[in-house]
Amino acid sequence: MQPVRLVLLLLIGSREGENDFVEFPSVEEALAYGRELHGDRRFQLEAIEDAAGRALMSYDELNDRCSSPYPMPLRRLAAG
């Protein structure tokens, strides 16, 4: 696994209109954090990039994935 960056467009504050980056060890972890931020008025999810700045996930795909319900893992109940 190579680290990835979640790209956020800042919507308020002194850096409004600038991008901020949050690094994660995997795309899955970046998506999980993106789900937490989705709909927050302070940020807009822009993309997921590799360490070299190449887009791994575009704006549309990122926002589609982060706005959909998080898939719940199936729990197995122990018999007994």
N, C-alpha and C. Protein backbone atom coordinates (compact mmCIF):
# COMPACT_ATOMS: atom_id res chain seq x y z
N MET A 1 0.84 -1.18 0.00
CA MET A 1 0.00 0.00 0.00
C MET A 1 0.88 1.25 0.00
N GLN A 2 0.47 2.21 -0.80
CA GLN A 2 1.15 3.49 -0.82
C GLN A 2 0.22 4.55 -0.26
N PRO A 3 0.78 5.55 0.39
CA PRO A 3 -0.08 6.59 0.96
C PRO A 3 -0.81 7.36 -0.13
N VAL A 4 -1.98 7.86 0.22
CA VAL A 4 -2.79 8.68 -0.68
C VAL A 4 -3.15 9.97 0.05
N ARG A 5 -3.58 10.97 -0.73
CA ARG A 5 -3.99 12.24 -0.14
C ARG A 5 -5.43 12.53 -0.53
N LEU A 6 -6.21 12.89 0.47
CA LEU A 6 -7.57 13.38 0.24
C LEU A 6 -7.45 14.88 0.04
N VAL A 7 -7.92 15.37 -1.09
CA VAL A 7 -7.83 16.79 -1.42
C VAL A 7 -9.14 17.46 -1.04
N LEU A 8 -9.05 18.50 -0.22
CA LEU A 8 -10.22 19.25 0.24
C LEU A 8 -10.11 20.69 -0.21
N LEU A 9 -11.17 21.23 -0.77
CA LEU A 9 -11.25 22.65 -1.08
C LEU A 9 -11.82 23.34 0.14
N LEU A 10 -11.09 24.32 0.66
CA LEU A 10 -11.54 25.05 1.84
C LEU A 10 -12.58 26.09 1.43
N LEU A 11 -13.73 26.09 2.08
CA LEU A 11 -14.84 26.96 1.70
C LEU A 11 -15.02 28.18 2.60
N ILE A 12 -14.38 28.18 3.76
CA ILE A 12 -14.48 29.33 4.67
C ILE A 12 -13.12 29.59 5.30
N GLY A 13 -12.97 30.73 5.90
CA GLY A 13 -11.75 31.05 6.61
C GLY A 13 -10.75 31.82 5.77
N SER A 14 -9.59 32.05 6.35
CA SER A 14 -8.57 32.87 5.69
C SER A 14 -7.97 32.18 4.46
N ARG A 15 -8.10 30.88 4.37
CA ARG A 15 -7.57 30.14 3.21
C ARG A 15 -8.67 29.72 2.24
N GLU A 16 -9.81 30.37 2.30
CA GLU A 16 -10.94 30.04 1.43
C GLU A 16 -10.50 29.97 -0.03
N GLY A 17 -10.91 28.91 -0.72
CA GLY A 17 -10.57 28.72 -2.13
C GLY A 17 -9.28 27.96 -2.36
N GLU A 18 -8.54 27.69 -1.29
CA GLU A 18 -7.30 26.92 -1.40
C GLU A 18 -7.57 25.46 -1.10
N ASN A 19 -6.67 24.60 -1.57
CA ASN A 19 -6.77 23.18 -1.26
C ASN A 19 -5.98 22.85 -0.02
N ASP A 20 -6.49 21.88 0.71
CA ASP A 20 -5.78 21.31 1.85
C ASP A 20 -5.68 19.81 1.56
N PHE A 21 -4.69 19.16 2.14
CA PHE A 21 -4.45 17.75 1.88
C PHE A 21 -4.35 17.01 3.20
N VAL A 22 -5.00 15.83 3.26
CA VAL A 22 -4.90 14.96 4.42
C VAL A 22 -4.40 13.62 3.91
N GLU A 23 -3.30 13.13 4.47
CA GLU A 23 -2.69 11.89 3.99
C GLU A 23 -3.21 10.69 4.77
N PHE A 24 -3.41 9.59 4.04
CA PHE A 24 -3.90 8.33 4.60
C PHE A 24 -3.09 7.17 4.03
N PRO A 25 -3.02 6.07 4.74
CA PRO A 25 -2.27 4.92 4.24
C PRO A 25 -2.96 4.16 3.11
N SER A 26 -4.27 4.39 2.91
CA SER A 26 -5.00 3.68 1.86
C SER A 26 -6.18 4.50 1.35
N VAL A 27 -6.66 4.12 0.18
CA VAL A 27 -7.85 4.76 -0.40
C VAL A 27 -9.06 4.52 0.49
N GLU A 28 -9.17 3.32 1.05
CA GLU A 28 -10.31 2.99 1.89
C GLU A 28 -10.39 3.90 3.11
N GLU A 29 -9.23 4.19 3.71
CA GLU A 29 -9.23 5.07 4.88
C GLU A 29 -9.54 6.51 4.49
N ALA A 30 -9.07 6.93 3.32
CA ALA A 30 -9.39 8.27 2.83
C ALA A 30 -10.89 8.38 2.56
N LEU A 31 -11.49 7.34 2.00
CA LEU A 31 -12.93 7.34 1.76
C LEU A 31 -13.72 7.38 3.06
N ALA A 32 -13.27 6.64 4.06
CA ALA A 32 -13.96 6.64 5.36
C ALA A 32 -13.95 8.05 5.96
N TYR A 33 -12.83 8.74 5.88
CA TYR A 33 -12.75 10.10 6.39
C TYR A 33 -13.61 11.04 5.53
N GLY A 34 -13.59 10.83 4.22
CA GLY A 34 -14.42 11.63 3.33
C GLY A 34 -15.90 11.50 3.65
N ARG A 35 -16.32 10.29 4.04
CA ARG A 35 -17.72 10.09 4.44
C ARG A 35 -18.07 10.93 5.66
N GLU A 36 -17.10 11.03 6.59
CA GLU A 36 -17.33 11.83 7.79
C GLU A 36 -17.46 13.32 7.44
N LEU A 37 -16.70 13.77 6.45
CA LEU A 37 -16.70 15.19 6.08
C LEU A 37 -17.78 15.56 5.07
N HIS A 38 -18.34 14.58 4.38
CA HIS A 38 -19.30 14.86 3.31
C HIS A 38 -20.46 15.68 3.84
N GLY A 39 -20.74 16.77 3.19
CA GLY A 39 -21.83 17.65 3.61
C GLY A 39 -21.41 18.73 4.59
N ASP A 40 -20.16 18.69 5.05
CA ASP A 40 -19.64 19.73 5.94
C ASP A 40 -19.52 21.02 5.15
N ARG A 41 -19.98 22.11 5.69
CA ARG A 41 -19.98 23.39 4.98
C ARG A 41 -18.59 24.03 4.91
N ARG A 42 -17.63 23.49 5.64
CA ARG A 42 -16.28 24.07 5.64
C ARG A 42 -15.41 23.53 4.51
N PHE A 43 -15.77 22.36 3.96
CA PHE A 43 -14.92 21.69 2.98
C PHE A 43 -15.74 21.20 1.79
N GLN A 44 -15.07 21.04 0.68
CA GLN A 44 -15.62 20.34 -0.47
C GLN A 44 -14.63 19.25 -0.83
N LEU A 45 -15.09 18.01 -0.96
CA LEU A 45 -14.21 16.91 -1.34
C LEU A 45 -13.86 17.06 -2.81
N GLU A 46 -12.58 17.10 -3.12
CA GLU A 46 -12.13 17.34 -4.49
C GLU A 46 -11.63 16.09 -5.20
N ALA A 47 -10.76 15.31 -4.55
CA ALA A 47 -10.14 14.17 -5.21
C ALA A 47 -9.37 13.35 -4.20
N ILE A 48 -8.94 12.16 -4.64
CA ILE A 48 -7.94 11.39 -3.92
C ILE A 48 -6.77 11.25 -4.88
N GLU A 49 -5.57 11.58 -4.40
CA GLU A 49 -4.37 11.56 -5.22
C GLU A 49 -3.35 10.61 -4.63
N ASP A 50 -2.43 10.14 -5.50
CA ASP A 50 -1.29 9.40 -4.98
C ASP A 50 -0.25 10.39 -4.49
N ALA A 51 0.86 9.90 -3.99
CA ALA A 51 1.89 10.77 -3.41
C ALA A 51 2.49 11.72 -4.44
N ALA A 52 2.42 11.36 -5.72
CA ALA A 52 2.97 12.21 -6.79
C ALA A 52 1.96 13.24 -7.28
N GLY A 53 0.75 13.24 -6.73
CA GLY A 53 -0.26 14.21 -7.13
C GLY A 53 -1.14 13.77 -8.29
N ARG A 54 -1.02 12.51 -8.71
CA ARG A 54 -1.89 12.00 -9.79
C ARG A 54 -3.23 11.57 -9.21
N ALA A 55 -4.30 11.97 -9.86
CA ALA A 55 -5.65 11.66 -9.36
C ALA A 55 -5.92 10.16 -9.43
N LEU A 56 -6.33 9.60 -8.32
CA LEU A 56 -6.76 8.21 -8.26
C LEU A 56 -8.29 8.12 -8.27
N MET A 57 -8.93 9.19 -7.82
CA MET A 57 -10.38 9.25 -7.78
C MET A 57 -10.79 10.70 -8.00
N SER A 58 -11.64 10.91 -8.98
CA SER A 58 -12.06 12.27 -9.33
C SER A 58 -13.16 12.77 -8.39
N TYR A 59 -13.47 14.04 -8.56
CA TYR A 59 -14.51 14.70 -7.77
C TYR A 59 -15.81 13.93 -7.80
N ASP A 60 -16.30 13.58 -8.99
CA ASP A 60 -17.61 12.91 -9.10
C ASP A 60 -17.62 11.56 -8.41
N GLU A 61 -16.62 10.73 -8.68
CA GLU A 61 -16.59 9.40 -8.07
C GLU A 61 -16.42 9.51 -6.55
N LEU A 62 -15.55 10.40 -6.10
CA LEU A 62 -15.33 10.58 -4.67
C LEU A 62 -16.61 10.99 -3.96
N ASN A 63 -17.32 11.95 -4.50
CA ASN A 63 -18.54 12.43 -3.86
C ASN A 63 -19.66 11.40 -3.95
N ASP A 64 -19.73 10.65 -5.04
CA ASP A 64 -20.72 9.57 -5.12
C ASP A 64 -20.47 8.53 -4.04
N ARG A 65 -19.22 8.13 -3.89
CA ARG A 65 -18.90 7.11 -2.88
C ARG A 65 -19.10 7.62 -1.46
N CYS A 66 -18.78 8.87 -1.22
CA CYS A 66 -18.89 9.41 0.14
C CYS A 66 -20.31 9.76 0.53
N SER A 67 -21.19 9.94 -0.44
CA SER A 67 -22.57 10.26 -0.12
C SER A 67 -23.43 9.01 0.01
N SER A 68 -22.94 7.88 -0.48
CA SER A 68 -23.71 6.64 -0.37
C SER A 68 -23.53 6.06 1.02
N PRO A 69 -24.51 5.32 1.48
CA PRO A 69 -24.41 4.73 2.82
C PRO A 69 -23.19 3.81 2.91
N TYR A 70 -22.54 3.85 4.05
CA TYR A 70 -21.37 3.00 4.27
C TYR A 70 -21.84 1.56 4.37
N PRO A 71 -21.23 0.65 3.61
CA PRO A 71 -21.66 -0.74 3.68
C PRO A 71 -21.37 -1.33 5.06
N MET A 72 -22.39 -1.88 5.65
CA MET A 72 -22.24 -2.47 6.98
C MET A 72 -21.72 -3.89 6.86
N PRO A 73 -20.69 -4.23 7.61
CA PRO A 73 -20.20 -5.62 7.56
C PRO A 73 -21.22 -6.56 8.20
N LEU A 74 -21.31 -7.76 7.69
CA LEU A 74 -22.22 -8.77 8.26
C LEU A 74 -21.57 -9.32 9.52
N ARG A 75 -22.34 -9.37 10.58
CA ARG A 75 -21.83 -9.92 11.84
C ARG A 75 -22.28 -11.36 11.99
N ARG A 76 -21.38 -12.14 12.43
CA ARG A 76 -21.72 -13.56 12.68
C ARG A 76 -21.94 -13.74 14.17
N LEU A 77 -23.04 -14.33 14.50
CA LEU A 77 -23.35 -14.59 15.90
C LEU A 77 -22.89 -16.01 16.25
N ALA A 78 -22.24 -16.11 17.35
CA ALA A 78 -21.78 -17.43 17.80
C ALA A 78 -22.96 -18.22 18.35
N ALA A 79 -23.08 -19.44 17.91
CA ALA A 79 -24.15 -20.29 18.42
C ALA A 79 -23.77 -20.79 19.81
N GLY A 80 -24.72 -20.84 20.65
CA GLY A 80 -24.32 -21.41 21.93
C GLY A 80 -25.12 -20.95 23.03
